[in-house]
PDB file of N, CA and C in Angstrom:
ATOM      1  N   MET A   1     -93.218  10.737 187.361  1.00  0.00           N
ATOM      2  CA  MET A   1     -94.492  11.203 186.424  1.00  0.00           C
ATOM      3  C   MET A   1     -94.383  12.255 185.130  1.00  0.00           C
ATOM      4  N   ASN A   2     -94.704  11.699 184.130  1.00  0.00           N
ATOM      5  CA  ASN A   2     -94.244  12.339 183.031  1.00  0.00           C
ATOM      6  C   ASN A   2     -94.861  13.951 182.937  1.00  0.00           C
ATOM      7  N   ARG A   3     -94.464  14.385 181.618  1.00  0.00           N
ATOM      8  CA  ARG A   3     -94.755  15.518 181.555  1.00  0.00           C
ATOM      9  C   ARG A   3     -96.193  15.439 181.138  1.00  0.00           C
ATOM     10  N   SER A   4     -96.857  14.880 180.741  1.00  0.00           N
ATOM     11  CA  SER A   4     -98.486  15.046 180.230  1.00  0.00           C
ATOM     12  C   SER A   4     -99.313  14.585 181.851  1.00  0.00           C
ATOM     13  N   GLN A   5     -99.088  14.283 182.657  1.00  0.00           N
ATOM     14  CA  GLN A   5     -99.434  14.249 184.193  1.00  0.00           C
ATOM     15  C   GLN A   5     -99.072  15.598 184.715  1.00  0.00           C
ATOM     16  N   LEU A   6     -97.711  15.904 184.610  1.00  0.00           N
ATOM     17  CA  LEU A   6     -97.217  17.470 185.507  1.00  0.00           C
ATOM     18  C   LEU A   6     -98.001  18.350 184.139  1.00  0.00           C
ATOM     19  N   GLY A   7     -98.371  18.409 183.016  1.00  0.00           N
ATOM     20  CA  GLY A   7     -99.226  19.323 182.368  1.00  0.00           C
ATOM     21  C   GLY A   7    -100.573  19.673 183.249  1.00  0.00           C
ATOM     22  N   ALA A   8    -101.156  18.003 183.468  1.00  0.00           N
ATOM     23  CA  ALA A   8    -102.830  18.358 184.002  1.00  0.00           C
ATOM     24  C   ALA A   8    -102.911  18.732 185.227  1.00  0.00           C
ATOM     25  N   PHE A   9    -101.491  18.200 185.957  1.00  0.00           N
ATOM     26  CA  PHE A   9    -101.990  18.659 187.289  1.00  0.00           C
ATOM     27  C   PHE A   9    -101.648  20.287 187.723  1.00  0.00           C
ATOM     28  N   ALA A  10    -101.179  20.870 186.531  1.00  0.00           N
ATOM     29  CA  ALA A  10    -100.502  22.385 186.515  1.00  0.00           C
ATOM     30  C   ALA A  10    -102.268  23.001 186.280  1.00  0.00           C
ATOM     31  N   GLY A  11    -102.915  22.373 184.806  1.00  0.00           N
ATOM     32  CA  GLY A  11    -104.129  22.863 184.644  1.00  0.00           C
ATOM     33  C   GLY A  11    -105.147  22.755 185.894  1.00  0.00           C
ATOM     34  N   LEU A  12    -104.887  22.176 186.713  1.00  0.00           N
ATOM     35  CA  LEU A  12    -106.204  21.843 187.383  1.00  0.00           C
ATOM     36  C   LEU A  12    -105.522  22.669 188.475  1.00  0.00           C
ATOM     37  N   ALA A  13    -104.262  22.962 188.869  1.00  0.00           N
ATOM     38  CA  ALA A  13    -104.264  23.776 189.961  1.00  0.00           C
ATOM     39  C   ALA A  13    -104.754  25.441 189.131  1.00  0.00           C
ATOM     40  N   LEU A  14    -104.431  25.516 188.480  1.00  0.00           N
ATOM     41  CA  LEU A  14    -105.025  26.887 187.550  1.00  0.00           C
ATOM     42  C   LEU A  14    -106.312  26.935 187.643  1.00  0.00           C
ATOM     43  N   GLY A  15    -106.914  25.696 187.456  1.00  0.00           N
ATOM     44  CA  GLY A  15    -108.122  26.043 187.242  1.00  0.00           C
ATOM     45  C   GLY A  15    -109.286  25.894 188.780  1.00  0.00           C
ATOM     46  N   PHE A  16    -108.490  25.573 189.538  1.00  0.00           N
ATOM     47  CA  PHE A  16    -108.912  25.729 191.201  1.00  0.00           C
ATOM     48  C   PHE A  16    -108.873  26.888 191.625  1.00  0.00           C
ATOM     49  N   ALA A  17    -107.279  27.875 191.254  1.00  0.00           N
ATOM     50  CA  ALA A  17    -107.284  28.982 191.484  1.00  0.00           C
ATOM     51  C   ALA A  17    -108.285  30.038 190.912  1.00  0.00           C
ATOM     52  N   GLY A  18    -108.418  29.674 189.878  1.00  0.00           N
ATOM     53  CA  GLY A  18    -109.151  31.069 188.934  1.00  0.00           C
ATOM     54  C   GLY A  18    -110.579  30.358 189.567  1.00  0.00           C
ATOM     55  N   TRP A  19    -110.912  29.278 189.750  1.00  0.00           N
ATOM     56  CA  TRP A  19    -112.728  29.204 190.267  1.00  0.00           C
ATOM     57  C   TRP A  19    -112.662  29.523 191.653  1.00  0.00           C
ATOM     58  N   PHE A  20    -111.880  29.476 192.525  1.00  0.00           N
ATOM     59  CA  PHE A  20    -112.359  29.440 193.941  1.00  0.00           C
ATOM     60  C   PHE A  20    -111.658  30.860 194.449  1.00  0.00           C
ATOM     61  N   GLY A  21    -110.317  31.441 193.644  1.00  0.00           N
ATOM     62  CA  GLY A  21    -109.890  32.470 194.420  1.00  0.00           C
ATOM     63  C   GLY A  21    -110.223  33.541 193.117  1.00  0.00           C
ATOM     64  N   GLY A  22    -110.242  33.718 192.642  1.00  0.00           N
ATOM     65  CA  GLY A  22    -110.541  34.944 191.559  1.00  0.00           C
ATOM     66  C   GLY A  22    -109.203  34.674 190.580  1.00  0.00           C
ATOM     67  N   PHE A  23    -109.187  35.994 189.149  1.00  0.00           N
ATOM     68  CA  PHE A  23    -107.844  35.782 188.600  1.00  0.00           C
ATOM     69  C   PHE A  23    -106.726  36.449 189.063  1.00  0.00           C
ATOM     70  N   GLY A  24    -107.006  36.951 190.276  1.00  0.00           N
ATOM     71  CA  GLY A  24    -105.959  37.270 190.987  1.00  0.00           C
ATOM     72  C   GLY A  24    -104.879  36.067 191.314  1.00  0.00           C
ATOM     73  N   ALA A  25    -105.669  35.206 192.008  1.00  0.00           N
ATOM     74  CA  ALA A  25    -104.996  33.709 192.160  1.00  0.00           C
ATOM     75  C   ALA A  25    -104.598  33.361 191.489  1.00  0.00           C
ATOM     76  N   PHE A  26    -105.408  33.174 189.978  1.00  0.00           N
ATOM     77  CA  PHE A  26    -104.648  32.369 188.866  1.00  0.00           C
ATOM     78  C   PHE A  26    -103.422  32.949 188.671  1.00  0.00           C
ATOM     79  N   LEU A  27    -103.719  34.301 188.438  1.00  0.00           N
ATOM     80  CA  LEU A  27    -102.231  34.804 188.037  1.00  0.00           C
ATOM     81  C   LEU A  27    -101.106  34.684 189.066  1.00  0.00           C
ATOM     82  N   VAL A  28    -101.262  34.576 190.660  1.00  0.00           N
ATOM     83  CA  VAL A  28    -100.360  34.066 190.903  1.00  0.00           C
ATOM     84  C   VAL A  28     -99.628  33.039 191.239  1.00  0.00           C
ATOM     85  N   VAL A  29    -100.665  31.306 191.385  1.00  0.00           N
ATOM     86  CA  VAL A  29    -100.124  30.207 190.858  1.00  0.00           C
ATOM     87  C   VAL A  29     -99.624  30.129 189.678  1.00  0.00           C
ATOM     88  N   ALA A  30    -100.119  30.803 188.370  1.00  0.00           N
ATOM     89  CA  ALA A  30     -99.231  30.847 187.457  1.00  0.00           C
ATOM     90  C   ALA A  30     -98.199  31.422 187.452  1.00  0.00           C
ATOM     91  N   LEU A  31     -98.113  32.344 187.752  1.00  0.00           N
ATOM     92  CA  LEU A  31     -96.746  32.990 188.013  1.00  0.00           C
ATOM     93  C   LEU A  31     -95.975  32.061 189.171  1.00  0.00           C
ATOM     94  N   CYS A  32     -96.453  31.225 189.993  1.00  0.00           N
ATOM     95  CA  CYS A  32     -95.397  30.523 190.737  1.00  0.00           C
ATOM     96  C   CYS A  32     -94.966  29.388 190.307  1.00  0.00           C
ATOM     97  N   GLY A  33     -96.054  28.798 189.557  1.00  0.00           N
ATOM     98  CA  GLY A  33     -95.652  27.621 188.789  1.00  0.00           C
ATOM     99  C   GLY A  33     -94.516  28.021 187.592  1.00  0.00           C
ATOM    100  N   ALA A  34     -94.466  29.217 187.110  1.00  0.00           N
ATOM    101  CA  ALA A  34     -93.450  29.362 186.043  1.00  0.00           C
ATOM    102  C   ALA A  34     -91.833  29.350 186.582  1.00  0.00           C
ATOM    103  N   THR A  35     -92.036  30.498 188.047  1.00  0.00           N
ATOM    104  CA  THR A  35     -90.836  30.238 188.334  1.00  0.00           C
ATOM    105  C   THR A  35     -90.364  28.972 189.009  1.00  0.00           C
ATOM    106  N   GLY A  36     -91.373  28.206 189.408  1.00  0.00           N
ATOM    107  CA  GLY A  36     -90.620  26.718 189.816  1.00  0.00           C
ATOM    108  C   GLY A  36     -90.337  25.725 188.778  1.00  0.00           C
ATOM    109  N   TRP A  37     -90.639  26.048 187.389  1.00  0.00           N
ATOM    110  CA  TRP A  37     -90.538  25.300 186.682  1.00  0.00           C
ATOM    111  C   TRP A  37     -89.195  25.719 186.042  1.00  0.00           C
ATOM    112  N   ALA A  38     -89.120  26.864 186.013  1.00  0.00           N
ATOM    113  CA  ALA A  38     -87.413  27.786 185.834  1.00  0.00           C
ATOM    114  C   ALA A  38     -86.748  27.195 186.428  1.00  0.00           C
ATOM    115  N   VAL A  39     -86.910  27.660 187.943  1.00  0.00           N
ATOM    116  CA  VAL A  39     -85.575  26.726 188.769  1.00  0.00           C
ATOM    117  C   VAL A  39     -85.487  25.468 188.381  1.00  0.00           C
ATOM    118  N   GLY A  40     -86.257  24.457 188.448  1.00  0.00           N
ATOM    119  CA  GLY A  40     -86.309  23.162 188.128  1.00  0.00           C
ATOM    120  C   GLY A  40     -85.629  22.420 186.946  1.00  0.00           C
ATOM    121  N   HIS A  41     -86.102  24.012 185.802  1.00  0.00           N
ATOM    122  CA  HIS A  41     -85.115  23.080 184.691  1.00  0.00           C
ATOM    123  C   HIS A  41     -83.534  23.973 184.923  1.00  0.00           C
ATOM    124  N   LEU A  42     -83.008  24.621 185.363  1.00  0.00           N
ATOM    125  CA  LEU A  42     -81.905  25.128 185.559  1.00  0.00           C
ATOM    126  C   LEU A  42     -81.187  24.379 186.496  1.00  0.00           C
ATOM    127  N   LEU A  43     -81.581  23.493 187.420  1.00  0.00           N
ATOM    128  CA  LEU A  43     -81.257  22.653 188.595  1.00  0.00           C
ATOM    129  C   LEU A  43     -80.785  21.158 187.343  1.00  0.00           C
ATOM    130  N   GLU A  44     -82.110  20.938 186.971  1.00  0.00           N
ATOM    131  CA  GLU A  44     -81.605  19.943 186.333  1.00  0.00           C
ATOM    132  C   GLU A  44     -81.308  19.684 185.188  1.00  0.00           C
ATOM    133  N   ASP A  45     -80.695  20.892 184.203  1.00  0.00           N
ATOM    134  CA  ASP A  45     -79.957  21.017 182.790  1.00  0.00           C
ATOM    135  C   ASP A  45     -78.647  21.361 183.469  1.00  0.00           C
ATOM    136  N   GLU A  46     -77.535  21.067 183.404  1.00  0.00           N
ATOM    137  CA  GLU A  46     -75.912  21.831 183.196  1.00  0.00           C
ATOM    138  C   GLU A  46     -76.216  22.504 181.720  1.00  0.00           C
ATOM    139  N   GLU A  47     -76.409  22.154 180.889  1.00  0.00           N
ATOM    140  CA  GLU A  47     -76.246  23.138 179.746  1.00  0.00           C
ATOM    141  C   GLU A  47     -76.877  24.129 179.977  1.00  0.00           C
ATOM    142  N   ALA A  48     -78.399  24.202 180.449  1.00  0.00           N
ATOM    143  CA  ALA A  48     -79.068  25.443 180.535  1.00  0.00           C
ATOM    144  C   ALA A  48     -78.361  26.600 181.529  1.00  0.00           C
ATOM    145  N   ARG A  49     -77.534  25.691 182.893  1.00  0.00           N
ATOM    146  CA  ARG A  49     -77.086  26.758 183.439  1.00  0.00           C
ATOM    147  C   ARG A  49     -75.525  27.176 183.302  1.00  0.00           C
ATOM    148  N   GLU A  50     -74.952  26.732 182.220  1.00  0.00           N
ATOM    149  CA  GLU A  50     -73.840  27.059 180.967  1.00  0.00           C
ATOM    150  C   GLU A  50     -74.424  28.415 180.198  1.00  0.00           C
ATOM    151  N   ARG A  51     -75.791  28.080 180.004  1.00  0.00           N
ATOM    152  CA  ARG A  51     -76.090  28.946 178.955  1.00  0.00           C
ATOM    153  C   ARG A  51     -76.501  30.352 179.455  1.00  0.00           C
ATOM    154  N   LEU A  52     -77.112  30.258 180.914  1.00  0.00           N
ATOM    155  CA  LEU A  52     -77.591  31.538 182.142  1.00  0.00           C
ATOM    156  C   LEU A  52     -76.322  32.253 182.593  1.00  0.00           C
ATOM    157  N   ARG A  53     -75.581  31.492 182.744  1.00  0.00           N
ATOM    158  CA  ARG A  53     -74.087  31.495 183.164  1.00  0.00           C
ATOM    159  C   ARG A  53     -73.362  32.701 181.923  1.00  0.00           C
ATOM    160  N   ASP A  54     -73.426  32.146 180.647  1.00  0.00           N
ATOM    161  CA  ASP A  54     -72.770  32.892 179.594  1.00  0.00           C
ATOM    162  C   ASP A  54     -73.233  34.370 179.013  1.00  0.00           C
ATOM    163  N   ARG A  55     -74.786  34.201 179.539  1.00  0.00           N
ATOM    164  CA  ARG A  55     -75.617  35.355 178.966  1.00  0.00           C
ATOM    165  C   ARG A  55     -75.642  36.358 179.994  1.00  0.00           C
ATOM    166  N   LEU A  56     -75.186  36.076 181.668  1.00  0.00           N
ATOM    167  CA  LEU A  56     -74.979  36.552 182.269  1.00  0.00           C
ATOM    168  C   LEU A  56     -73.453  37.416 182.282  1.00  0.00           C
ATOM    169  N   ASP A  57     -72.639  36.638 182.029  1.00  0.00           N
ATOM    170  CA  ASP A  57     -70.985  37.099 181.757  1.00  0.00           C
ATOM    171  C   ASP A  57     -71.398  38.038 180.813  1.00  0.00           C
ATOM    172  N   ARG A  58     -72.196  38.210 179.745  1.00  0.00           N
ATOM    173  CA  ARG A  58     -71.921  38.870 178.485  1.00  0.00           C
ATOM    174  C   ARG A  58     -72.881  39.946 178.803  1.00  0.00           C
ATOM    175  N   SER A  59     -73.629  40.506 179.868  1.00  0.00           N
ATOM    176  CA  SER A  59     -74.598  41.329 179.965  1.00  0.00           C
ATOM    177  C   SER A  59     -73.484  42.726 180.650  1.00  0.00           C
ATOM    178  N   GLY A  60     -72.490  42.408 180.975  1.00  0.00           N
ATOM    179  CA  GLY A  60     -71.310  43.129 181.584  1.00  0.00           C
ATOM    180  C   GLY A  60     -71.046  43.238 183.002  1.00  0.00           C
ATOM    181  N   THR A  61     -71.401  42.699 183.764  1.00  0.00           N
ATOM    182  CA  THR A  61     -71.414  42.151 184.984  1.00  0.00           C
ATOM    183  C   THR A  61     -70.063  41.020 185.475  1.00  0.00           C
ATOM    184  N   SER A  62     -69.566  41.006 186.792  1.00  0.00           N
ATOM    185  CA  SER A  62     -68.566  40.136 187.105  1.00  0.00           C
ATOM    186  C   SER A  62     -69.510  38.992 187.828  1.00  0.00           C
ATOM    187  N   GLY A  63     -68.815  38.305 188.188  1.00  0.00           N
ATOM    188  CA  GLY A  63     -69.414  37.526 189.669  1.00  0.00           C
ATOM    189  C   GLY A  63     -69.495  38.626 190.904  1.00  0.00           C
ATOM    190  N   ASP A  64     -69.122  39.072 191.096  1.00  0.00           N
ATOM    191  CA  ASP A  64     -69.581  39.722 192.264  1.00  0.00           C
ATOM    192  C   ASP A  64     -70.257  40.795 192.016  1.00  0.00           C
ATOM    193  N   GLY A  65     -71.155  41.062 191.025  1.00  0.00           N
ATOM    194  CA  GLY A  65     -71.838  42.141 190.868  1.00  0.00           C
ATOM    195  C   GLY A  65     -71.472  43.527 190.516  1.00  0.00           C
ATOM    196  N   ARG A  66     -70.436  43.600 190.106  1.00  0.00           N
ATOM    197  CA  ARG A  66     -69.687  44.851 189.936  1.00  0.00           C
ATOM    198  C   ARG A  66     -69.568  44.756 188.437  1.00  0.00           C
ATOM    199  N   ARG A  67     -69.716  45.965 188.143  1.00  0.00           N
ATOM    200  CA  ARG A  67     -69.406  45.888 186.175  1.00  0.00           C
ATOM    201  C   ARG A  67     -67.930  46.139 186.060  1.00  0.00           C
ATOM    202  N   ARG A  68     -67.948  45.385 184.626  1.00  0.00           N
ATOM    203  CA  ARG A  68     -66.387  45.130 184.641  1.00  0.00           C
ATOM    204  C   ARG A  68     -66.221  46.525 183.865  1.00  0.00           C
ATOM    205  N   THR A  69     -64.966  46.417 184.002  1.00  0.00           N
ATOM    206  CA  THR A  69     -64.280  47.850 183.167  1.00  0.00           C
ATOM    207  C   THR A  69     -63.896  47.442 182.043  1.00  0.00           C
ATOM    208  N   ARG A  70     -63.646  47.694 180.990  1.00  0.00           N
ATOM    209  CA  ARG A  70     -63.256  47.437 179.539  1.00  0.00           C
ATOM    210  C   ARG A  70     -62.251  48.221 178.956  1.00  0.00           C
TER     211      ARG A  70
END
């Protein structure tokens, strides 16, 4: 499935959710789609995982979730 087909499918899903479920359902479907896209992007792209890891390291936490002392 190429990106055009995926985009069309996502648009149809959002349209159906908006039509049959209202604006709240539209937002839930959009949020789930964005989350799925982000997770899929991270799983597919090693460079994206490294950038995320670097960004989290610069935020001041260690791998075990505790604050680093400087």
